[in-house]
């Protein structure tokens, strides 16, 4: 099995806030991430696809094609946006990195399978800060 990886970058703002809780409870649980005026990050998105190389091309997936998919399906929709307000696939959801990475998976997995039927999305890593990141394997 071969694993190929593409890394993309985007900037986005969000707010962690549970509307069922008081402002005090949100502040207690989420701290500065509950800021009424949002806060932003310079995100890195790392996408790994697995499969056996196509005998005609030698590729598991053409990395240019993978980059185009990630850019069109995710980066163009979230870059310089507010995840809570501007991003259709995050509407009504907690804008935590955990939820965000699962929603990204739900978008990329079928797009990658369509583009490269012998390949499968294996792993996504979403880096929010140099110290904080989430990893998701679709489970």
N, C-alpha and C. Protein backbone atom coordinates (compact mmCIF):
# COMPACT_ATOMS: atom_id res chain seq x y z
N UNK A 1 0.85 -1.18 0.00
CA UNK A 1 0.00 0.00 0.00
C UNK A 1 0.89 1.24 0.00
N UNK A 2 0.56 2.18 -0.87
CA UNK A 2 1.30 3.43 -0.97
C UNK A 2 0.42 4.55 -0.39
N UNK A 3 1.05 5.47 0.33
CA UNK A 3 0.37 6.62 0.92
C UNK A 3 0.96 7.89 0.32
N UNK A 4 0.10 8.73 -0.25
CA UNK A 4 0.56 10.01 -0.80
C UNK A 4 -0.15 11.14 -0.06
N UNK A 5 0.56 12.23 0.11
CA UNK A 5 0.05 13.31 0.97
C UNK A 5 0.17 14.66 0.28
N UNK A 6 -0.84 15.48 0.51
CA UNK A 6 -0.87 16.85 0.01
C UNK A 6 -1.13 17.77 1.20
N UNK A 7 -0.43 18.90 1.27
CA UNK A 7 -0.63 19.87 2.34
C UNK A 7 -1.14 21.17 1.74
N UNK A 8 -2.17 21.73 2.33
CA UNK A 8 -2.72 23.01 1.92
C UNK A 8 -2.78 23.92 3.14
N UNK A 9 -2.98 25.20 2.89
CA UNK A 9 -3.00 26.20 3.95
C UNK A 9 -4.20 27.12 3.73
N UNK A 10 -4.83 27.54 4.82
CA UNK A 10 -5.89 28.54 4.73
C UNK A 10 -6.00 29.28 6.05
N UNK A 11 -6.67 30.42 6.01
CA UNK A 11 -6.92 31.23 7.20
C UNK A 11 -8.42 31.27 7.42
N UNK A 12 -8.84 31.12 8.66
CA UNK A 12 -10.27 31.17 8.96
C UNK A 12 -10.47 31.58 10.41
N UNK A 13 -11.65 32.16 10.65
CA UNK A 13 -12.05 32.55 12.00
C UNK A 13 -13.17 31.62 12.47
N UNK A 14 -13.31 31.52 13.77
CA UNK A 14 -14.43 30.76 14.33
C UNK A 14 -14.64 31.17 15.79
N UNK A 15 -15.70 30.66 16.33
CA UNK A 15 -16.01 30.86 17.74
C UNK A 15 -16.53 29.55 18.29
N UNK A 16 -16.01 29.14 19.43
CA UNK A 16 -16.54 27.98 20.12
C UNK A 16 -17.57 28.49 21.12
N UNK A 17 -18.81 28.05 20.95
CA UNK A 17 -19.90 28.58 21.75
C UNK A 17 -21.07 27.61 21.69
N UNK A 18 -21.58 27.23 22.83
CA UNK A 18 -22.76 26.39 22.91
C UNK A 18 -23.95 27.27 23.26
N UNK A 19 -24.89 27.46 22.34
CA UNK A 19 -26.01 28.38 22.60
C UNK A 19 -26.92 27.93 23.73
N UNK A 20 -26.84 26.68 24.13
CA UNK A 20 -27.66 26.18 25.24
C UNK A 20 -27.07 26.59 26.59
N UNK A 21 -25.86 27.11 26.60
CA UNK A 21 -25.19 27.50 27.83
C UNK A 21 -25.20 29.02 28.00
N UNK A 22 -24.99 29.43 29.22
CA UNK A 22 -24.84 30.87 29.51
C UNK A 22 -23.48 31.34 28.98
N UNK A 23 -23.35 32.67 28.86
CA UNK A 23 -22.07 33.24 28.45
C UNK A 23 -20.97 32.85 29.44
N UNK A 24 -21.32 32.81 30.71
CA UNK A 24 -20.34 32.46 31.75
C UNK A 24 -19.84 31.02 31.57
N UNK A 25 -20.77 30.11 31.31
CA UNK A 25 -20.37 28.70 31.13
C UNK A 25 -19.53 28.55 29.86
N UNK A 26 -19.91 29.23 28.78
CA UNK A 26 -19.11 29.18 27.56
C UNK A 26 -17.71 29.71 27.81
N UNK A 27 -17.61 30.80 28.54
CA UNK A 27 -16.30 31.37 28.85
C UNK A 27 -15.49 30.40 29.71
N UNK A 28 -16.15 29.75 30.66
CA UNK A 28 -15.48 28.79 31.54
C UNK A 28 -14.94 27.60 30.74
N UNK A 29 -15.74 27.08 29.84
CA UNK A 29 -15.35 25.88 29.08
C UNK A 29 -14.40 26.21 27.93
N UNK A 30 -14.71 27.25 27.16
CA UNK A 30 -13.97 27.54 25.93
C UNK A 30 -12.94 28.66 26.07
N UNK A 31 -12.98 29.39 27.18
CA UNK A 31 -12.01 30.46 27.40
C UNK A 31 -12.03 31.48 26.28
N UNK A 32 -10.84 31.93 25.83
CA UNK A 32 -10.80 32.96 24.79
C UNK A 32 -11.40 32.51 23.46
N UNK A 33 -11.56 31.22 23.27
CA UNK A 33 -12.16 30.73 22.02
C UNK A 33 -13.66 31.03 21.94
N UNK A 34 -14.26 31.47 23.05
CA UNK A 34 -15.67 31.86 23.08
C UNK A 34 -15.85 33.35 22.82
N UNK A 35 -14.80 34.04 22.43
CA UNK A 35 -14.83 35.48 22.19
C UNK A 35 -16.00 35.86 21.28
N UNK A 36 -16.82 36.82 21.72
CA UNK A 36 -17.96 37.28 20.93
C UNK A 36 -17.56 37.79 19.55
N UNK A 37 -16.34 38.26 19.42
CA UNK A 37 -15.87 38.83 18.16
C UNK A 37 -15.00 37.86 17.37
N UNK A 38 -15.10 36.57 17.69
CA UNK A 38 -14.41 35.52 16.94
C UNK A 38 -12.91 35.54 17.21
N UNK A 39 -12.21 34.60 16.64
CA UNK A 39 -10.75 34.56 16.66
C UNK A 39 -10.32 33.73 15.46
N UNK A 40 -9.09 33.93 15.00
CA UNK A 40 -8.67 33.28 13.77
C UNK A 40 -7.43 32.43 13.92
N UNK A 41 -7.22 31.60 12.89
CA UNK A 41 -6.08 30.70 12.85
C UNK A 41 -5.52 30.64 11.44
N UNK A 42 -4.25 30.32 11.35
CA UNK A 42 -3.59 29.96 10.10
C UNK A 42 -3.55 28.44 10.07
N UNK A 43 -4.53 27.83 9.44
CA UNK A 43 -4.67 26.38 9.43
C UNK A 43 -3.77 25.74 8.38
N UNK A 44 -3.33 24.52 8.68
CA UNK A 44 -2.72 23.64 7.69
C UNK A 44 -3.59 22.40 7.61
N UNK A 45 -3.86 21.97 6.40
CA UNK A 45 -4.67 20.78 6.16
C UNK A 45 -3.81 19.77 5.42
N UNK A 46 -3.61 18.63 6.03
CA UNK A 46 -2.79 17.57 5.44
C UNK A 46 -3.71 16.41 5.10
N UNK A 47 -3.70 16.03 3.83
CA UNK A 47 -4.61 14.99 3.33
C UNK A 47 -3.78 13.85 2.78
N UNK A 48 -4.00 12.64 3.30
CA UNK A 48 -3.28 11.46 2.84
C UNK A 48 -4.24 10.48 2.19
N UNK A 49 -3.86 10.03 1.00
CA UNK A 49 -4.64 9.08 0.21
C UNK A 49 -3.82 7.80 0.09
N UNK A 50 -4.49 6.65 0.15
CA UNK A 50 -3.78 5.38 0.03
C UNK A 50 -4.31 4.58 -1.16
N UNK A 51 -3.47 3.70 -1.64
CA UNK A 51 -3.87 2.83 -2.73
C UNK A 51 -2.67 2.20 -3.40
N UNK A 52 -2.96 1.48 -4.47
CA UNK A 52 -1.89 0.87 -5.26
C UNK A 52 -1.72 1.73 -6.52
N UNK A 53 -0.51 1.94 -6.94
CA UNK A 53 -0.29 2.77 -8.12
C UNK A 53 -1.00 2.22 -9.35
N UNK A 54 -1.58 3.13 -10.11
CA UNK A 54 -2.20 2.78 -11.38
C UNK A 54 -1.09 2.30 -12.32
N UNK A 55 -1.27 1.16 -12.98
CA UNK A 55 -0.19 0.66 -13.84
C UNK A 55 0.11 1.57 -15.04
N UNK A 56 -0.86 2.36 -15.48
CA UNK A 56 -0.64 3.24 -16.63
C UNK A 56 0.09 4.53 -16.26
N UNK A 57 -0.14 5.06 -15.05
CA UNK A 57 0.44 6.34 -14.67
C UNK A 57 1.51 6.22 -13.59
N UNK A 58 1.44 5.15 -12.81
CA UNK A 58 2.33 5.01 -11.66
C UNK A 58 1.85 5.78 -10.44
N UNK A 59 0.70 6.45 -10.56
CA UNK A 59 0.16 7.26 -9.47
C UNK A 59 -0.90 6.50 -8.68
N UNK A 60 -0.91 6.71 -7.37
CA UNK A 60 -2.07 6.35 -6.55
C UNK A 60 -3.18 7.34 -6.89
N UNK A 61 -2.81 8.61 -6.87
CA UNK A 61 -3.64 9.71 -7.35
C UNK A 61 -2.69 10.78 -7.82
N UNK A 62 -3.01 11.42 -8.89
CA UNK A 62 -2.19 12.53 -9.38
C UNK A 62 -2.26 13.63 -8.31
N UNK A 63 -1.11 14.02 -7.77
CA UNK A 63 -1.09 15.00 -6.68
C UNK A 63 -1.62 16.36 -7.12
N UNK A 64 -1.51 16.68 -8.37
CA UNK A 64 -2.13 17.92 -8.88
C UNK A 64 -3.64 17.80 -8.80
N UNK A 65 -4.18 16.65 -9.16
CA UNK A 65 -5.62 16.41 -9.06
C UNK A 65 -6.06 16.47 -7.60
N UNK A 66 -5.30 15.83 -6.71
CA UNK A 66 -5.64 15.87 -5.29
C UNK A 66 -5.62 17.30 -4.78
N UNK A 67 -4.60 18.07 -5.14
CA UNK A 67 -4.53 19.47 -4.73
C UNK A 67 -5.71 20.27 -5.25
N UNK A 68 -6.11 20.03 -6.50
CA UNK A 68 -7.26 20.73 -7.08
C UNK A 68 -8.55 20.39 -6.32
N UNK A 69 -8.71 19.12 -5.95
CA UNK A 69 -9.90 18.70 -5.20
C UNK A 69 -9.95 19.39 -3.84
N UNK A 70 -8.84 19.34 -3.12
CA UNK A 70 -8.80 19.95 -1.78
C UNK A 70 -9.04 21.45 -1.88
N UNK A 71 -8.45 22.09 -2.87
CA UNK A 71 -8.64 23.54 -3.03
C UNK A 71 -10.09 23.86 -3.37
N UNK A 72 -10.66 23.19 -4.35
CA UNK A 72 -12.02 23.48 -4.80
C UNK A 72 -13.07 23.13 -3.74
N UNK A 73 -12.93 21.96 -3.14
CA UNK A 73 -13.96 21.44 -2.24
C UNK A 73 -13.86 21.96 -0.81
N UNK A 74 -12.67 22.39 -0.40
CA UNK A 74 -12.50 22.84 0.99
C UNK A 74 -11.89 24.24 1.05
N UNK A 75 -10.67 24.40 0.59
CA UNK A 75 -9.94 25.65 0.81
C UNK A 75 -10.69 26.86 0.26
N UNK A 76 -11.18 26.76 -0.96
CA UNK A 76 -11.90 27.90 -1.54
C UNK A 76 -13.16 28.25 -0.75
N UNK A 77 -13.72 27.29 -0.02
CA UNK A 77 -14.94 27.53 0.75
C UNK A 77 -14.66 28.08 2.15
N UNK A 78 -13.45 27.89 2.66
CA UNK A 78 -13.17 28.28 4.04
C UNK A 78 -12.11 29.36 4.19
N UNK A 79 -11.29 29.58 3.17
CA UNK A 79 -10.19 30.52 3.30
C UNK A 79 -10.70 31.95 3.47
N UNK A 80 -10.19 32.61 4.51
CA UNK A 80 -10.60 33.97 4.87
C UNK A 80 -12.10 34.07 5.12
N UNK A 81 -12.66 33.04 5.73
CA UNK A 81 -14.07 32.99 6.07
C UNK A 81 -14.23 32.80 7.58
N UNK A 82 -15.45 33.03 8.02
CA UNK A 82 -15.85 32.72 9.39
C UNK A 82 -16.54 31.36 9.33
N UNK A 83 -15.97 30.35 9.98
CA UNK A 83 -16.52 29.00 9.90
C UNK A 83 -17.95 28.93 10.42
N UNK A 84 -18.27 29.72 11.43
CA UNK A 84 -19.61 29.70 12.02
C UNK A 84 -20.65 30.34 11.11
N UNK A 85 -20.25 31.38 10.38
CA UNK A 85 -21.23 32.18 9.63
C UNK A 85 -21.20 31.97 8.13
N UNK A 86 -20.03 31.73 7.55
CA UNK A 86 -19.87 31.78 6.10
C UNK A 86 -19.78 30.43 5.40
N UNK A 87 -19.57 29.36 6.14
CA UNK A 87 -19.26 28.06 5.53
C UNK A 87 -20.49 27.16 5.59
N UNK A 88 -21.05 26.85 4.42
CA UNK A 88 -22.32 26.12 4.37
C UNK A 88 -22.25 24.78 5.09
N UNK A 89 -21.16 24.03 4.94
CA UNK A 89 -21.12 22.71 5.55
C UNK A 89 -20.87 22.73 7.07
N UNK A 90 -20.66 23.92 7.64
CA UNK A 90 -20.51 24.05 9.09
C UNK A 90 -21.73 24.68 9.75
N UNK A 91 -22.73 25.04 8.97
CA UNK A 91 -23.92 25.69 9.53
C UNK A 91 -24.59 24.78 10.57
N UNK A 92 -24.88 25.36 11.74
CA UNK A 92 -25.57 24.63 12.80
C UNK A 92 -24.70 23.64 13.55
N UNK A 93 -23.40 23.65 13.30
CA UNK A 93 -22.48 22.71 13.96
C UNK A 93 -21.49 23.48 14.83
N UNK A 94 -21.03 22.85 15.88
CA UNK A 94 -19.95 23.42 16.69
C UNK A 94 -18.72 23.52 15.81
N UNK A 95 -18.07 24.67 15.80
CA UNK A 95 -16.93 24.91 14.92
C UNK A 95 -15.61 24.48 15.57
N UNK A 96 -15.62 23.37 16.29
CA UNK A 96 -14.39 22.82 16.85
C UNK A 96 -13.60 22.15 15.72
N UNK A 97 -12.31 21.99 15.94
CA UNK A 97 -11.49 21.31 14.94
C UNK A 97 -11.94 19.86 14.73
N UNK A 98 -12.44 19.24 15.80
CA UNK A 98 -12.89 17.86 15.70
C UNK A 98 -14.07 17.73 14.74
N UNK A 99 -15.05 18.60 14.89
CA UNK A 99 -16.22 18.58 14.00
C UNK A 99 -15.80 19.02 12.60
N UNK A 100 -14.99 20.04 12.53
CA UNK A 100 -14.54 20.58 11.24
C UNK A 100 -13.82 19.51 10.42
N UNK A 101 -12.91 18.76 11.03
CA UNK A 101 -12.16 17.75 10.28
C UNK A 101 -13.09 16.62 9.81
N UNK A 102 -14.10 16.27 10.59
CA UNK A 102 -15.05 15.24 10.16
C UNK A 102 -15.87 15.72 8.96
N UNK A 103 -16.26 16.98 8.97
CA UNK A 103 -17.01 17.54 7.84
C UNK A 103 -16.14 17.60 6.59
N UNK A 104 -14.87 17.94 6.75
CA UNK A 104 -13.95 17.94 5.61
C UNK A 104 -13.84 16.53 5.03
N UNK A 105 -13.73 15.54 5.90
CA UNK A 105 -13.66 14.14 5.44
C UNK A 105 -14.89 13.79 4.60
N UNK A 106 -16.07 14.17 5.09
CA UNK A 106 -17.31 13.84 4.38
C UNK A 106 -17.36 14.45 2.99
N UNK A 107 -16.66 15.53 2.78
CA UNK A 107 -16.58 16.16 1.47
C UNK A 107 -15.51 15.50 0.60
N UNK A 108 -14.34 15.29 1.17
CA UNK A 108 -13.21 14.82 0.37
C UNK A 108 -13.28 13.33 0.01
N UNK A 109 -13.77 12.50 0.90
CA UNK A 109 -13.76 11.05 0.63
C UNK A 109 -14.46 10.71 -0.68
N UNK A 110 -15.71 11.16 -0.92
CA UNK A 110 -16.34 10.80 -2.19
C UNK A 110 -15.69 11.48 -3.40
N UNK A 111 -15.19 12.70 -3.23
CA UNK A 111 -14.55 13.40 -4.34
C UNK A 111 -13.27 12.69 -4.78
N UNK A 112 -12.51 12.21 -3.82
CA UNK A 112 -11.28 11.48 -4.13
C UNK A 112 -11.60 10.14 -4.77
N UNK A 113 -12.59 9.44 -4.24
CA UNK A 113 -12.98 8.14 -4.81
C UNK A 113 -13.44 8.30 -6.26
N UNK A 114 -14.12 9.40 -6.55
CA UNK A 114 -14.59 9.65 -7.92
C UNK A 114 -13.41 9.95 -8.85
N UNK A 115 -12.45 10.72 -8.37
CA UNK A 115 -11.32 11.12 -9.20
C UNK A 115 -10.32 9.99 -9.42
N UNK A 116 -10.18 9.11 -8.45
CA UNK A 116 -9.19 8.03 -8.52
C UNK A 116 -9.80 6.79 -7.89
N UNK A 117 -10.56 6.02 -8.67
CA UNK A 117 -11.31 4.88 -8.11
C UNK A 117 -10.46 3.83 -7.40
N UNK A 118 -9.17 3.76 -7.69
CA UNK A 118 -8.29 2.78 -7.04
C UNK A 118 -7.66 3.36 -5.76
N UNK A 119 -8.01 4.62 -5.44
CA UNK A 119 -7.45 5.28 -4.25
C UNK A 119 -8.55 5.51 -3.22
N UNK A 120 -8.11 5.71 -1.98
CA UNK A 120 -9.06 5.93 -0.89
C UNK A 120 -8.46 6.94 0.08
N UNK A 121 -9.31 7.86 0.56
CA UNK A 121 -8.87 8.79 1.58
C UNK A 121 -8.49 8.00 2.83
N UNK A 122 -7.29 8.24 3.33
CA UNK A 122 -6.79 7.48 4.48
C UNK A 122 -6.79 8.29 5.77
N UNK A 123 -6.45 9.58 5.67
CA UNK A 123 -6.14 10.34 6.88
C UNK A 123 -6.19 11.82 6.59
N UNK A 124 -6.70 12.58 7.55
CA UNK A 124 -6.64 14.03 7.47
C UNK A 124 -6.07 14.54 8.79
N UNK A 125 -5.16 15.47 8.68
CA UNK A 125 -4.62 16.16 9.85
C UNK A 125 -4.92 17.64 9.66
N UNK A 126 -5.56 18.23 10.64
CA UNK A 126 -5.89 19.65 10.62
C UNK A 126 -5.12 20.32 11.74
N UNK A 127 -4.19 21.18 11.37
CA UNK A 127 -3.34 21.87 12.34
C UNK A 127 -3.91 23.26 12.55
N UNK A 128 -4.34 23.52 13.77
CA UNK A 128 -4.92 24.81 14.12
C UNK A 128 -3.85 25.80 14.59
N UNK A 129 -2.93 25.32 15.41
CA UNK A 129 -1.80 26.11 15.90
C UNK A 129 -0.59 25.18 15.92
N UNK A 130 0.61 25.72 16.10
CA UNK A 130 1.77 24.84 16.20
C UNK A 130 1.66 23.80 17.33
N UNK A 131 0.82 24.08 18.32
CA UNK A 131 0.67 23.16 19.45
C UNK A 131 -0.60 22.32 19.41
N UNK A 132 -1.57 22.68 18.57
CA UNK A 132 -2.88 22.01 18.57
C UNK A 132 -3.25 21.52 17.19
N UNK A 133 -3.57 20.23 17.10
CA UNK A 133 -4.01 19.67 15.83
C UNK A 133 -4.90 18.46 16.11
N UNK A 134 -5.69 18.09 15.10
CA UNK A 134 -6.52 16.90 15.18
C UNK A 134 -6.21 16.01 14.00
N UNK A 135 -6.38 14.72 14.19
CA UNK A 135 -6.19 13.72 13.14
C UNK A 135 -7.45 12.90 13.02
N UNK A 136 -7.80 12.54 11.78
CA UNK A 136 -9.04 11.78 11.56
C UNK A 136 -8.81 10.75 10.48
N UNK A 137 -9.26 9.54 10.75
CA UNK A 137 -9.14 8.42 9.82
C UNK A 137 -10.50 7.95 9.30
N UNK A 138 -11.52 8.74 9.50
CA UNK A 138 -12.84 8.39 8.99
C UNK A 138 -13.58 7.37 9.82
N UNK A 139 -13.17 7.18 11.03
CA UNK A 139 -13.80 6.18 11.89
C UNK A 139 -14.70 6.85 12.92
